[in-house]
Amino acid sequence: MKEIEKAEIKRLSDRLDAIRHEMPELHLINDAEKYAEMEKEKAKLEIEIVRLQAVRNQKLSKEAQKLMALPYKRPITKKEQADMGKLKKAVRGLVIVHPMTALGREMDLEEMTGFSKTDF
């Protein structure tokens, strides 16, 4: 799931790591102002990262709720997994969630599961 929040979290985390690596190199006596400025920026970045993660989790929750509301769901067999294209053509609107994705972990799936409006 390439999304704006994910990219922004990554960018802010990289900036936070850079600040954390720079801070020990500064001498408190000589660079007190710069150290204080970095502390402020570090605190701001941490707050923003937490906010973005909450937004991202809320979006995932909405998507999980939509899928759980669909009337038909069942595990996808190994045979069906081997020919996924055929299955998706046969069942229009089929959404398959893998348990190792963020959405799959959130939904506590044990195996690859398909969600659909029609029976399959």
PDB file of N, CA and C in Angstrom:
ATOM      1  N   MET A   1       0.826  -1.181   0.000  1.00  0.00           N
ATOM      2  CA  MET A   1       0.000   0.000   0.000  1.00  0.00           C
ATOM      3  C   MET A   1       0.873   1.247   0.000  1.00  0.00           C
ATOM      4  N   LYS A   2       1.105   1.734  -1.210  1.00  0.00           N
ATOM      5  CA  LYS A   2       1.855   2.973  -1.316  1.00  0.00           C
ATOM      6  C   LYS A   2       0.885   4.109  -1.000  1.00  0.00           C
ATOM      7  N   GLU A   3       1.206   4.858  -0.023  1.00  0.00           N
ATOM      8  CA  GLU A   3       0.306   5.927   0.372  1.00  0.00           C
ATOM      9  C   GLU A   3       1.101   7.108   0.892  1.00  0.00           C
ATOM     10  N   ILE A   4       0.442   8.210   0.957  1.00  0.00           N
ATOM     11  CA  ILE A   4       1.079   9.462   1.363  1.00  0.00           C
ATOM     12  C   ILE A   4       1.601   9.374   2.793  1.00  0.00           C
ATOM     13  N   GLU A   5       0.793   8.837   3.704  1.00  0.00           N
ATOM     14  CA  GLU A   5       1.195   8.773   5.109  1.00  0.00           C
ATOM     15  C   GLU A   5       2.440   7.919   5.294  1.00  0.00           C
ATOM     16  N   LYS A   6       2.479   6.796   4.577  1.00  0.00           N
ATOM     17  CA  LYS A   6       3.621   5.893   4.706  1.00  0.00           C
ATOM     18  C   LYS A   6       4.906   6.582   4.251  1.00  0.00           C
ATOM     19  N   ALA A   7       4.836   7.287   3.135  1.00  0.00           N
ATOM     20  CA  ALA A   7       6.007   7.995   2.617  1.00  0.00           C
ATOM     21  C   ALA A   7       6.438   9.113   3.566  1.00  0.00           C
ATOM     22  N   GLU A   8       5.464   9.811   4.110  1.00  0.00           N
ATOM     23  CA  GLU A   8       5.766  10.914   5.035  1.00  0.00           C
ATOM     24  C   GLU A   8       6.370  10.387   6.332  1.00  0.00           C
ATOM     25  N   ILE A   9       5.849   9.269   6.845  1.00  0.00           N
ATOM     26  CA  ILE A   9       6.409   8.657   8.055  1.00  0.00           C
ATOM     27  C   ILE A   9       7.859   8.273   7.809  1.00  0.00           C
ATOM     28  N   LYS A  10       8.137   7.703   6.652  1.00  0.00           N
ATOM     29  CA  LYS A  10       9.504   7.289   6.301  1.00  0.00           C
ATOM     30  C   LYS A  10      10.428   8.502   6.255  1.00  0.00           C
ATOM     31  N   ARG A  11       9.971   9.574   5.606  1.00  0.00           N
ATOM     32  CA  ARG A  11      10.790  10.782   5.483  1.00  0.00           C
ATOM     33  C   ARG A  11      11.088  11.381   6.861  1.00  0.00           C
ATOM     34  N   LEU A  12      10.071  11.469   7.705  1.00  0.00           N
ATOM     35  CA  LEU A  12      10.266  12.031   9.045  1.00  0.00           C
ATOM     36  C   LEU A  12      11.144  11.136   9.908  1.00  0.00           C
ATOM     37  N   SER A  13      10.994   9.830   9.768  1.00  0.00           N
ATOM     38  CA  SER A  13      11.831   8.894  10.538  1.00  0.00           C
ATOM     39  C   SER A  13      13.292   9.014  10.130  1.00  0.00           C
ATOM     40  N   ASP A  14      13.529   9.179   8.844  1.00  0.00           N
ATOM     41  CA  ASP A  14      14.902   9.360   8.369  1.00  0.00           C
ATOM     42  C   ASP A  14      15.508  10.641   8.938  1.00  0.00           C
ATOM     43  N   ARG A  15      14.717  11.702   8.944  1.00  0.00           N
ATOM     44  CA  ARG A  15      15.191  12.981   9.497  1.00  0.00           C
ATOM     45  C   ARG A  15      15.463  12.839  11.005  1.00  0.00           C
ATOM     46  N   LEU A  16      14.591  12.124  11.704  1.00  0.00           N
ATOM     47  CA  LEU A  16      14.763  11.901  13.139  1.00  0.00           C
ATOM     48  C   LEU A  16      16.038  11.113  13.414  1.00  0.00           C
ATOM     49  N   ASP A  17      16.299  10.084  12.612  1.00  0.00           N
ATOM     50  CA  ASP A  17      17.530   9.305  12.767  1.00  0.00           C
ATOM     51  C   ASP A  17      18.767  10.175  12.551  1.00  0.00           C
ATOM     52  N   ALA A  18      18.709  11.040  11.546  1.00  0.00           N
ATOM     53  CA  ALA A  18      19.833  11.930  11.271  1.00  0.00           C
ATOM     54  C   ALA A  18      20.099  12.847  12.465  1.00  0.00           C
ATOM     55  N   ILE A  19      19.042  13.369  13.059  1.00  0.00           N
ATOM     56  CA  ILE A  19      19.198  14.248  14.227  1.00  0.00           C
ATOM     57  C   ILE A  19      19.782  13.463  15.393  1.00  0.00           C
ATOM     58  N   ARG A  20      19.290  12.248  15.606  1.00  0.00           N
ATOM     59  CA  ARG A  20      19.799  11.429  16.716  1.00  0.00           C
ATOM     60  C   ARG A  20      21.292  11.116  16.550  1.00  0.00           C
ATOM     61  N   HIS A  21      21.732  10.967  15.304  1.00  0.00           N
ATOM     62  CA  HIS A  21      23.149  10.695  15.069  1.00  0.00           C
ATOM     63  C   HIS A  21      24.010  11.953  15.221  1.00  0.00           C
ATOM     64  N   GLU A  22      23.457  13.103  14.920  1.00  0.00           N
ATOM     65  CA  GLU A  22      24.198  14.363  15.018  1.00  0.00           C
ATOM     66  C   GLU A  22      24.333  14.837  16.469  1.00  0.00           C
ATOM     67  N   MET A  23      23.329  14.585  17.279  1.00  0.00           N
ATOM     68  CA  MET A  23      23.301  15.135  18.631  1.00  0.00           C
ATOM     69  C   MET A  23      24.479  14.716  19.512  1.00  0.00           C
ATOM     70  N   PRO A  24      24.894  13.453  19.544  1.00  0.00           N
ATOM     71  CA  PRO A  24      26.022  13.097  20.410  1.00  0.00           C
ATOM     72  C   PRO A  24      27.338  13.759  19.997  1.00  0.00           C
ATOM     73  N   GLU A  25      27.446  14.141  18.732  1.00  0.00           N
ATOM     74  CA  GLU A  25      28.680  14.760  18.247  1.00  0.00           C
ATOM     75  C   GLU A  25      28.807  16.217  18.680  1.00  0.00           C
ATOM     76  N   LEU A  26      27.685  16.833  19.024  1.00  0.00           N
ATOM     77  CA  LEU A  26      27.722  18.235  19.440  1.00  0.00           C
ATOM     78  C   LEU A  26      28.246  18.342  20.874  1.00  0.00           C
ATOM     79  N   HIS A  27      29.033  19.374  21.109  1.00  0.00           N
ATOM     80  CA  HIS A  27      29.515  19.635  22.461  1.00  0.00           C
ATOM     81  C   HIS A  27      28.548  20.606  23.123  1.00  0.00           C
ATOM     82  N   LEU A  28      28.059  20.241  24.295  1.00  0.00           N
ATOM     83  CA  LEU A  28      27.057  21.067  24.962  1.00  0.00           C
ATOM     84  C   LEU A  28      27.573  22.461  25.304  1.00  0.00           C
ATOM     85  N   ILE A  29      28.841  22.572  25.555  1.00  0.00           N
ATOM     86  CA  ILE A  29      29.404  23.865  25.935  1.00  0.00           C
ATOM     87  C   ILE A  29      29.461  24.806  24.734  1.00  0.00           C
ATOM     88  N   ASN A  30      29.977  24.310  23.625  1.00  0.00           N
ATOM     89  CA  ASN A  30      30.172  25.154  22.443  1.00  0.00           C
ATOM     90  C   ASN A  30      28.904  25.310  21.599  1.00  0.00           C
ATOM     91  N   ASP A  31      28.102  24.280  21.495  1.00  0.00           N
ATOM     92  CA  ASP A  31      26.951  24.293  20.592  1.00  0.00           C
ATOM     93  C   ASP A  31      25.625  24.146  21.333  1.00  0.00           C
ATOM     94  N   ALA A  32      25.468  24.848  22.425  1.00  0.00           N
ATOM     95  CA  ALA A  32      24.263  24.709  23.249  1.00  0.00           C
ATOM     96  C   ALA A  32      23.006  25.127  22.485  1.00  0.00           C
ATOM     97  N   GLU A  33      23.101  26.212  21.707  1.00  0.00           N
ATOM     98  CA  GLU A  33      21.933  26.682  20.958  1.00  0.00           C
ATOM     99  C   GLU A  33      21.507  25.656  19.901  1.00  0.00           C
ATOM    100  N   LYS A  34      22.484  25.145  19.180  1.00  0.00           N
ATOM    101  CA  LYS A  34      22.180  24.168  18.131  1.00  0.00           C
ATOM    102  C   LYS A  34      21.620  22.887  18.747  1.00  0.00           C
ATOM    103  N   TYR A  35      22.126  22.485  19.890  1.00  0.00           N
ATOM    104  CA  TYR A  35      21.648  21.287  20.580  1.00  0.00           C
ATOM    105  C   TYR A  35      20.190  21.484  21.012  1.00  0.00           C
ATOM    106  N   ALA A  36      19.879  22.653  21.572  1.00  0.00           N
ATOM    107  CA  ALA A  36      18.507  22.941  21.996  1.00  0.00           C
ATOM    108  C   ALA A  36      17.563  22.964  20.791  1.00  0.00           C
ATOM    109  N   GLU A  37      18.028  23.528  19.683  1.00  0.00           N
ATOM    110  CA  GLU A  37      17.228  23.582  18.462  1.00  0.00           C
ATOM    111  C   GLU A  37      16.937  22.163  17.950  1.00  0.00           C
ATOM    112  N   MET A  38      17.943  21.298  18.019  1.00  0.00           N
ATOM    113  CA  MET A  38      17.763  19.914  17.574  1.00  0.00           C
ATOM    114  C   MET A  38      16.803  19.165  18.501  1.00  0.00           C
ATOM    115  N   GLU A  39      16.865  19.450  19.788  1.00  0.00           N
ATOM    116  CA  GLU A  39      15.936  18.827  20.739  1.00  0.00           C
ATOM    117  C   GLU A  39      14.489  19.199  20.404  1.00  0.00           C
ATOM    118  N   LYS A  40      14.256  20.495  20.084  1.00  0.00           N
ATOM    119  CA  LYS A  40      12.915  20.949  19.727  1.00  0.00           C
ATOM    120  C   LYS A  40      12.435  20.241  18.463  1.00  0.00           C
ATOM    121  N   GLU A  41      13.304  20.185  17.448  1.00  0.00           N
ATOM    122  CA  GLU A  41      12.931  19.548  16.185  1.00  0.00           C
ATOM    123  C   GLU A  41      12.667  18.053  16.390  1.00  0.00           C
ATOM    124  N   LYS A  42      13.489  17.425  17.234  1.00  0.00           N
ATOM    125  CA  LYS A  42      13.322  15.996  17.532  1.00  0.00           C
ATOM    126  C   LYS A  42      11.954  15.748  18.166  1.00  0.00           C
ATOM    127  N   ALA A  43      11.578  16.578  19.123  1.00  0.00           N
ATOM    128  CA  ALA A  43      10.279  16.433  19.781  1.00  0.00           C
ATOM    129  C   ALA A  43       9.131  16.639  18.785  1.00  0.00           C
ATOM    130  N   LYS A  44       9.276  17.643  17.902  1.00  0.00           N
ATOM    131  CA  LYS A  44       8.251  17.906  16.899  1.00  0.00           C
ATOM    132  C   LYS A  44       8.089  16.723  15.950  1.00  0.00           C
ATOM    133  N   LEU A  45       9.210  16.164  15.513  1.00  0.00           N
ATOM    134  CA  LEU A  45       9.181  15.030  14.589  1.00  0.00           C
ATOM    135  C   LEU A  45       8.525  13.808  15.231  1.00  0.00           C
ATOM    136  N   GLU A  46       8.853  13.547  16.483  1.00  0.00           N
ATOM    137  CA  GLU A  46       8.272  12.391  17.180  1.00  0.00           C
ATOM    138  C   GLU A  46       6.752  12.517  17.289  1.00  0.00           C
ATOM    139  N   ILE A  47       6.272  13.722  17.603  1.00  0.00           N
ATOM    140  CA  ILE A  47       4.835  13.959  17.714  1.00  0.00           C
ATOM    141  C   ILE A  47       4.157  13.773  16.358  1.00  0.00           C
ATOM    142  N   GLU A  48       4.766  14.302  15.311  1.00  0.00           N
ATOM    143  CA  GLU A  48       4.191  14.198  13.962  1.00  0.00           C
ATOM    144  C   GLU A  48       4.158  12.744  13.480  1.00  0.00           C
ATOM    145  N   ILE A  49       5.199  11.977  13.780  1.00  0.00           N
ATOM    146  CA  ILE A  49       5.237  10.565  13.391  1.00  0.00           C
ATOM    147  C   ILE A  49       4.114   9.792  14.081  1.00  0.00           C
ATOM    148  N   VAL A  50       3.902  10.042  15.356  1.00  0.00           N
ATOM    149  CA  VAL A  50       2.825   9.366  16.090  1.00  0.00           C
ATOM    150  C   VAL A  50       1.465   9.725  15.493  1.00  0.00           C
ATOM    151  N   ARG A  51       1.279  10.990  15.136  1.00  0.00           N
ATOM    152  CA  ARG A  51       0.015  11.436  14.539  1.00  0.00           C
ATOM    153  C   ARG A  51      -0.230  10.750  13.194  1.00  0.00           C
ATOM    154  N   LEU A  52       0.808  10.695  12.356  1.00  0.00           N
ATOM    155  CA  LEU A  52       0.666  10.063  11.045  1.00  0.00           C
ATOM    156  C   LEU A  52       0.407   8.564  11.158  1.00  0.00           C
ATOM    157  N   GLN A  53       1.029   7.925  12.134  1.00  0.00           N
ATOM    158  CA  GLN A  53       0.786   6.493  12.332  1.00  0.00           C
ATOM    159  C   GLN A  53      -0.664   6.253  12.749  1.00  0.00           C
ATOM    160  N   ALA A  54      -1.210   7.145  13.559  1.00  0.00           N
ATOM    161  CA  ALA A  54      -2.607   7.012  13.971  1.00  0.00           C
ATOM    162  C   ALA A  54      -3.537   7.182  12.766  1.00  0.00           C
ATOM    163  N   VAL A  55      -3.232   8.141  11.900  1.00  0.00           N
ATOM    164  CA  VAL A  55      -4.034   8.356  10.689  1.00  0.00           C
ATOM    165  C   VAL A  55      -3.975   7.120   9.802  1.00  0.00           C
ATOM    166  N   ARG A  56      -2.786   6.565   9.645  1.00  0.00           N
ATOM    167  CA  ARG A  56      -2.593   5.381   8.795  1.00  0.00           C
ATOM    168  C   ARG A  56      -3.352   4.180   9.361  1.00  0.00           C
ATOM    169  N   ASN A  57      -3.278   3.987  10.673  1.00  0.00           N
ATOM    170  CA  ASN A  57      -3.998   2.878  11.307  1.00  0.00           C
ATOM    171  C   ASN A  57      -5.515   3.042  11.167  1.00  0.00           C
ATOM    172  N   GLN A  58      -5.982   4.270  11.238  1.00  0.00           N
ATOM    173  CA  GLN A  58      -7.414   4.524  11.086  1.00  0.00           C
ATOM    174  C   GLN A  58      -7.860   4.178   9.667  1.00  0.00           C
ATOM    175  N   LYS A  59      -7.038   4.511   8.674  1.00  0.00           N
ATOM    176  CA  LYS A  59      -7.365   4.153   7.294  1.00  0.00           C
ATOM    177  C   LYS A  59      -7.406   2.644   7.126  1.00  0.00           C
ATOM    178  N   LEU A  60      -6.438   1.947   7.718  1.00  0.00           N
ATOM    179  CA  LEU A  60      -6.433   0.487   7.638  1.00  0.00           C
ATOM    180  C   LEU A  60      -7.683  -0.084   8.290  1.00  0.00           C
ATOM    181  N   SER A  61      -8.060   0.486   9.409  1.00  0.00           N
ATOM    182  CA  SER A  61      -9.241  -0.006  10.112  1.00  0.00           C
ATOM    183  C   SER A  61     -10.494   0.168   9.249  1.00  0.00           C
ATOM    184  N   LYS A  62     -10.598   1.288   8.553  1.00  0.00           N
ATOM    185  CA  LYS A  62     -11.755   1.511   7.691  1.00  0.00           C
ATOM    186  C   LYS A  62     -11.791   0.462   6.589  1.00  0.00           C
ATOM    187  N   GLU A  63     -10.641   0.180   5.995  1.00  0.00           N
ATOM    188  CA  GLU A  63     -10.581  -0.816   4.933  1.00  0.00           C
ATOM    189  C   GLU A  63     -10.921  -2.205   5.468  1.00  0.00           C
ATOM    190  N   ALA A  64     -10.436  -2.528   6.660  1.00  0.00           N
ATOM    191  CA  ALA A  64     -10.744  -3.819   7.270  1.00  0.00           C
ATOM    192  C   ALA A  64     -12.231  -3.937   7.561  1.00  0.00           C
ATOM    193  N   GLN A  65     -12.835  -2.869   8.018  1.00  0.00           N
ATOM    194  CA  GLN A  65     -14.267  -2.890   8.308  1.00  0.00           C
ATOM    195  C   GLN A  65     -15.083  -3.102   7.034  1.00  0.00           C
ATOM    196  N   LYS A  66     -14.657  -2.466   5.931  1.00  0.00           N
ATOM    197  CA  LYS A  66     -15.353  -2.650   4.657  1.00  0.00           C
ATOM    198  C   LYS A  66     -15.296  -4.108   4.219  1.00  0.00           C
ATOM    199  N   LEU A  67     -14.117  -4.709   4.337  1.00  0.00           N
ATOM    200  CA  LEU A  67     -13.958  -6.094   3.913  1.00  0.00           C
ATOM    201  C   LEU A  67     -14.765  -7.046   4.794  1.00  0.00           C
ATOM    202  N   MET A  68     -14.750  -6.820   6.090  1.00  0.00           N
ATOM    203  CA  MET A  68     -15.489  -7.696   6.997  1.00  0.00           C
ATOM    204  C   MET A  68     -16.997  -7.569   6.767  1.00  0.00           C
ATOM    205  N   ALA A  69     -17.451  -6.442   6.239  1.00  0.00           N
ATOM    206  CA  ALA A  69     -18.875  -6.240   5.982  1.00  0.00           C
ATOM    207  C   ALA A  69     -19.342  -6.983   4.728  1.00  0.00           C
ATOM    208  N   LEU A  70     -18.406  -7.404   3.877  1.00  0.00           N
ATOM    209  CA  LEU A  70     -18.796  -8.141   2.672  1.00  0.00           C
ATOM    210  C   LEU A  70     -19.410  -9.487   3.073  1.00  0.00           C
ATOM    211  N   PRO A  71     -20.443  -9.929   2.365  1.00  0.00           N
ATOM    212  CA  PRO A  71     -21.179 -11.119   2.796  1.00  0.00           C
ATOM    213  C   PRO A  71     -20.425 -12.448   2.675  1.00  0.00           C
ATOM    214  N   TYR A  72     -19.484 -12.565   1.738  1.00  0.00           N
ATOM    215  CA  TYR A  72     -18.809 -13.843   1.536  1.00  0.00           C
ATOM    216  C   TYR A  72     -17.320 -13.715   1.790  1.00  0.00           C
ATOM    217  N   LYS A  73     -16.794 -14.624   2.590  1.00  0.00           N
ATOM    218  CA  LYS A  73     -15.354 -14.696   2.804  1.00  0.00           C
ATOM    219  C   LYS A  73     -14.985 -16.151   3.050  1.00  0.00           C
ATOM    220  N   ARG A  74     -13.830 -16.527   2.528  1.00  0.00           N
ATOM    221  CA  ARG A  74     -13.332 -17.880   2.777  1.00  0.00           C
ATOM    222  C   ARG A  74     -11.854 -17.934   2.426  1.00  0.00           C
ATOM    223  N   PRO A  75     -11.145 -18.901   3.015  1.00  0.00           N
ATOM    224  CA  PRO A  75      -9.724 -19.073   2.694  1.00  0.00           C
ATOM    225  C   PRO A  75      -9.546 -19.488   1.232  1.00  0.00           C
ATOM    226  N   ILE A  76      -8.461 -19.074   0.632  1.00  0.00           N
ATOM    227  CA  ILE A  76      -8.145 -19.419  -0.749  1.00  0.00           C
ATOM    228  C   ILE A  76      -7.286 -20.678  -0.724  1.00  0.00           C
ATOM    229  N   THR A  77      -7.694 -21.703  -1.475  1.00  0.00           N
ATOM    230  CA  THR A  77      -6.946 -22.963  -1.490  1.00  0.00           C
ATOM    231  C   THR A  77      -5.648 -22.804  -2.268  1.00  0.00           C
ATOM    232  N   LYS A  78      -4.740 -23.752  -2.076  1.00  0.00           N
ATOM    233  CA  LYS A  78      -3.450 -23.718  -2.780  1.00  0.00           C
ATOM    234  C   LYS A  78      -3.657 -23.777  -4.287  1.00  0.00           C
ATOM    235  N   LYS A  79      -4.622 -24.570  -4.730  1.00  0.00           N
ATOM    236  CA  LYS A  79      -4.904 -24.702  -6.154  1.00  0.00           C
ATOM    237  C   LYS A  79      -5.375 -23.358  -6.724  1.00  0.00           C
ATOM    238  N   GLU A  80      -6.235 -22.667  -5.985  1.00  0.00           N
ATOM    239  CA  GLU A  80      -6.722 -21.354  -6.419  1.00  0.00           C
ATOM    240  C   GLU A  80      -5.603 -20.318  -6.389  1.00  0.00           C
ATOM    241  N   GLN A  81      -4.709 -20.432  -5.412  1.00  0.00           N
ATOM    242  CA  GLN A  81      -3.582 -19.500  -5.330  1.00  0.00           C
ATOM    243  C   GLN A  81      -2.670 -19.646  -6.532  1.00  0.00           C
ATOM    244  N   ALA A  82      -2.548 -20.882  -7.051  1.00  0.00           N
ATOM    245  CA  ALA A  82      -1.684 -21.132  -8.186  1.00  0.00           C
ATOM    246  C   ALA A  82      -2.209 -20.441  -9.446  1.00  0.00           C
ATOM    247  N   ASP A  83      -3.526 -20.303  -9.575  1.00  0.00           N
ATOM    248  CA  ASP A  83      -4.109 -19.656 -10.743  1.00  0.00           C
ATOM    249  C   ASP A  83      -5.016 -18.512 -10.285  1.00  0.00           C
ATOM    250  N   MET A  84      -4.395 -17.519  -9.681  1.00  0.00           N
ATOM    251  CA  MET A  84      -5.119 -16.395  -9.103  1.00  0.00           C
ATOM    252  C   MET A  84      -5.867 -15.588 -10.166  1.00  0.00           C
ATOM    253  N   GLY A  85      -5.275 -15.449 -11.347  1.00  0.00           N
ATOM    254  CA  GLY A  85      -5.913 -14.677 -12.407  1.00  0.00           C
ATOM    255  C   GLY A  85      -7.249 -15.272 -12.814  1.00  0.00           C
ATOM    256  N   LYS A  86      -7.300 -16.562 -12.944  1.00  0.00           N
ATOM    257  CA  LYS A  86      -8.543 -17.257 -13.310  1.00  0.00           C
ATOM    258  C   LYS A  86      -9.616 -17.038 -12.244  1.00  0.00           C
ATOM    259  N   LEU A  87      -9.207 -17.125 -10.980  1.00  0.00           N
ATOM    260  CA  LEU A  87     -10.142 -16.925  -9.875  1.00  0.00           C
ATOM    261  C   LEU A  87     -10.697 -15.504  -9.878  1.00  0.00           C
ATOM    262  N   LYS A  88      -9.824 -14.519 -10.067  1.00  0.00           N
ATOM    263  CA  LYS A  88     -10.267 -13.125 -10.051  1.00  0.00           C
ATOM    264  C   LYS A  88     -11.185 -12.810 -11.233  1.00  0.00           C
ATOM    265  N   LYS A  89     -10.955 -13.463 -12.380  1.00  0.00           N
ATOM    266  CA  LYS A  89     -11.841 -13.266 -13.530  1.00  0.00           C
ATOM    267  C   LYS A  89     -13.198 -13.909 -13.291  1.00  0.00           C
ATOM    268  N   ALA A  90     -13.197 -15.044 -12.625  1.00  0.00           N
ATOM    269  CA  ALA A  90     -14.448 -15.759 -12.361  1.00  0.00           C
ATOM    270  C   ALA A  90     -15.304 -15.043 -11.319  1.00  0.00           C
ATOM    271  N   VAL A  91     -14.675 -14.419 -10.366  1.00  0.00           N
ATOM    272  CA  VAL A  91     -15.396 -13.740  -9.282  1.00  0.00           C
ATOM    273  C   VAL A  91     -15.082 -12.251  -9.348  1.00  0.00           C
ATOM    274  N   ARG A  92     -15.979 -11.498  -9.907  1.00  0.00           N
ATOM    275  CA  ARG A  92     -15.775 -10.048 -10.013  1.00  0.00           C
ATOM    276  C   ARG A  92     -15.874  -9.406  -8.632  1.00  0.00           C
ATOM    277  N   GLY A  93     -14.979  -8.465  -8.377  1.00  0.00           N
ATOM    278  CA  GLY A  93     -14.999  -7.770  -7.092  1.00  0.00           C
ATOM    279  C   GLY A  93     -14.342  -8.533  -5.964  1.00  0.00           C
ATOM    280  N   LEU A  94     -13.597  -9.573  -6.303  1.00  0.00           N
ATOM    281  CA  LEU A  94     -12.913 -10.375  -5.280  1.00  0.00           C
ATOM    282  C   LEU A  94     -11.707  -9.608  -4.746  1.00  0.00           C
ATOM    283  N   VAL A  95     -11.602  -9.544  -3.429  1.00  0.00           N
ATOM    284  CA  VAL A  95     -10.452  -8.919  -2.783  1.00  0.00           C
ATOM    285  C   VAL A  95      -9.754  -9.996  -1.973  1.00  0.00           C
ATOM    286  N   ILE A  96      -8.459 -10.182  -2.240  1.00  0.00           N
ATOM    287  CA  ILE A  96      -7.695 -11.206  -1.533  1.00  0.00           C
ATOM    288  C   ILE A  96      -6.719 -10.521  -0.592  1.00  0.00           C
ATOM    289  N   VAL A  97      -6.707 -10.968   0.664  1.00  0.00           N
ATOM    290  CA  VAL A  97      -5.835 -10.384   1.677  1.00  0.00           C
ATOM    291  C   VAL A  97      -4.878 -11.461   2.176  1.00  0.00           C
ATOM    292  N   HIS A  98      -3.598 -11.142   2.106  1.00  0.00           N
ATOM    293  CA  HIS A  98      -2.563 -12.068   2.585  1.00  0.00           C
ATOM    294  C   HIS A  98      -2.313 -11.791   4.068  1.00  0.00           C
ATOM    295  N   PRO A  99      -2.087 -12.823   4.872  1.00  0.00           N
ATOM    296  CA  PRO A  99      -1.919 -12.608   6.317  1.00  0.00           C
ATOM    297  C   PRO A  99      -0.650 -11.843   6.702  1.00  0.00           C
ATOM    298  N   MET A 100       0.319 -11.750   5.812  1.00  0.00           N
ATOM    299  CA  MET A 100       1.564 -11.062   6.156  1.00  0.00           C
ATOM    300  C   MET A 100       1.539  -9.571   5.819  1.00  0.00           C
ATOM    301  N   THR A 101       0.481  -9.088   5.176  1.00  0.00           N
ATOM    302  CA  THR A 101       0.366  -7.659   4.905  1.00  0.00           C
ATOM    303  C   THR A 101      -0.136  -6.950   6.157  1.00  0.00           C
ATOM    304  N   ALA A 102      -0.018  -5.633   6.167  1.00  0.00           N
ATOM    305  CA  ALA A 102      -0.477  -4.858   7.325  1.00  0.00           C
ATOM    306  C   ALA A 102      -1.966  -5.083   7.565  1.00  0.00           C
ATOM    307  N   LEU A 103      -2.723  -5.105   6.488  1.00  0.00           N
ATOM    308  CA  LEU A 103      -4.165  -5.319   6.610  1.00  0.00           C
ATOM    309  C   LEU A 103      -4.453  -6.723   7.134  1.00  0.00           C
ATOM    310  N   GLY A 104      -3.737  -7.715   6.633  1.00  0.00           N
ATOM    311  CA  GLY A 104      -3.924  -9.093   7.088  1.00  0.00           C
ATOM    312  C   GLY A 104      -3.574  -9.276   8.549  1.00  0.00           C
ATOM    313  N   ARG A 105      -2.494  -8.626   8.997  1.00  0.00           N
ATOM    314  CA  ARG A 105      -2.116  -8.710  10.415  1.00  0.00           C
ATOM    315  C   ARG A 105      -3.159  -8.033  11.284  1.00  0.00           C
ATOM    316  N   GLU A 106      -3.665  -6.912  10.804  1.00  0.00           N
ATOM    317  CA  GLU A 106      -4.679  -6.195  11.572  1.00  0.00           C
ATOM    318  C   GLU A 106      -5.947  -7.029  11.719  1.00  0.00           C
ATOM    319  N   MET A 107      -6.295  -7.764  10.669  1.00  0.00           N
ATOM    320  CA  MET A 107      -7.505  -8.582  10.683  1.00  0.00           C
ATOM    321  C   MET A 107      -7.267  -9.943  11.332  1.00  0.00           C
ATOM    322  N   ASP A 108      -6.045 -10.209  11.777  1.00  0.00           N
ATOM    323  CA  ASP A 108      -5.662 -11.473  12.418  1.00  0.00           C
ATOM    324  C   ASP A 108      -5.968 -12.682  11.532  1.00  0.00           C
ATOM    325  N   LEU A 109      -5.610 -12.584  10.268  1.00  0.00           N
ATOM    326  CA  LEU A 109      -5.829 -13.694   9.345  1.00  0.00           C
ATOM    327  C   LEU A 109      -4.736 -14.734   9.514  1.00  0.00           C
ATOM    328  N   GLU A 110      -5.107 -15.985   9.425  1.00  0.00           N
ATOM    329  CA  GLU A 110      -4.149 -17.088   9.525  1.00  0.00           C
ATOM    330  C   GLU A 110      -3.708 -17.571   8.144  1.00  0.00           C
ATOM    331  N   GLU A 111      -4.587 -17.390   7.141  1.00  0.00           N
ATOM    332  CA  GLU A 111      -4.273 -17.844   5.792  1.00  0.00           C
ATOM    333  C   GLU A 111      -4.842 -16.851   4.787  1.00  0.00           C
ATOM    334  N   MET A 112      -4.377 -16.961   3.542  1.00  0.00           N
ATOM    335  CA  MET A 112      -4.831 -16.083   2.486  1.00  0.00           C
ATOM    336  C   MET A 112      -6.360 -16.197   2.370  1.00  0.00           C
ATOM    337  N   THR A 113      -7.045 -15.071   2.437  1.00  0.00           N
ATOM    338  CA  THR A 113      -8.497 -15.071   2.489  1.00  0.00           C
ATOM    339  C   THR A 113      -9.071 -14.175   1.400  1.00  0.00           C
ATOM    340  N   GLY A 114     -10.170 -14.628   0.805  1.00  0.00           N
ATOM    341  CA  GLY A 114     -10.854 -13.854  -0.213  1.00  0.00           C
ATOM    342  C   GLY A 114     -12.153 -13.281   0.334  1.00  0.00           C
ATOM    343  N   PHE A 115     -12.459 -12.043  -0.050  1.00  0.00           N
ATOM    344  CA  PHE A 115     -13.690 -11.367   0.361  1.00  0.00           C
ATOM    345  C   PHE A 115     -14.417 -10.947  -0.907  1.00  0.00           C
ATOM    346  N   SER A 116     -15.730 -11.163  -0.942  1.00  0.00           N
ATOM    347  CA  SER A 116     -16.485 -10.848  -2.143  1.00  0.00           C
ATOM    348  C   SER A 116     -17.942 -10.548  -1.823  1.00  0.00           C
ATOM    349  N   LYS A 117     -18.600  -9.858  -2.760  1.00  0.00           N
ATOM    350  CA  LYS A 117     -20.041  -9.601  -2.630  1.00  0.00           C
ATOM    351  C   LYS A 117     -20.840 -10.804  -3.099  1.00  0.00           C
ATOM    352  N   THR A 118     -20.229 -11.620  -3.984  1.00  0.00           N
ATOM    353  CA  THR A 118     -20.918 -12.801  -4.500  1.00  0.00           C
ATOM    354  C   THR A 118     -20.247 -14.071  -3.984  1.00  0.00           C
ATOM    355  N   ASP A 119     -21.002 -15.141  -3.949  1.00  0.00           N
ATOM    356  CA  ASP A 119     -20.481 -16.415  -3.481  1.00  0.00           C
ATOM    357  C   ASP A 119     -19.427 -16.943  -4.457  1.00  0.00           C
ATOM    358  N   PHE A 120     -18.369 -17.525  -3.920  1.00  0.00           N
ATOM    359  CA  PHE A 120     -17.336 -18.118  -4.781  1.00  0.00           C
ATOM    360  C   PHE A 120     -16.820 -19.407  -4.184  1.00  0.00           C
TER     361      PHE A 120
END
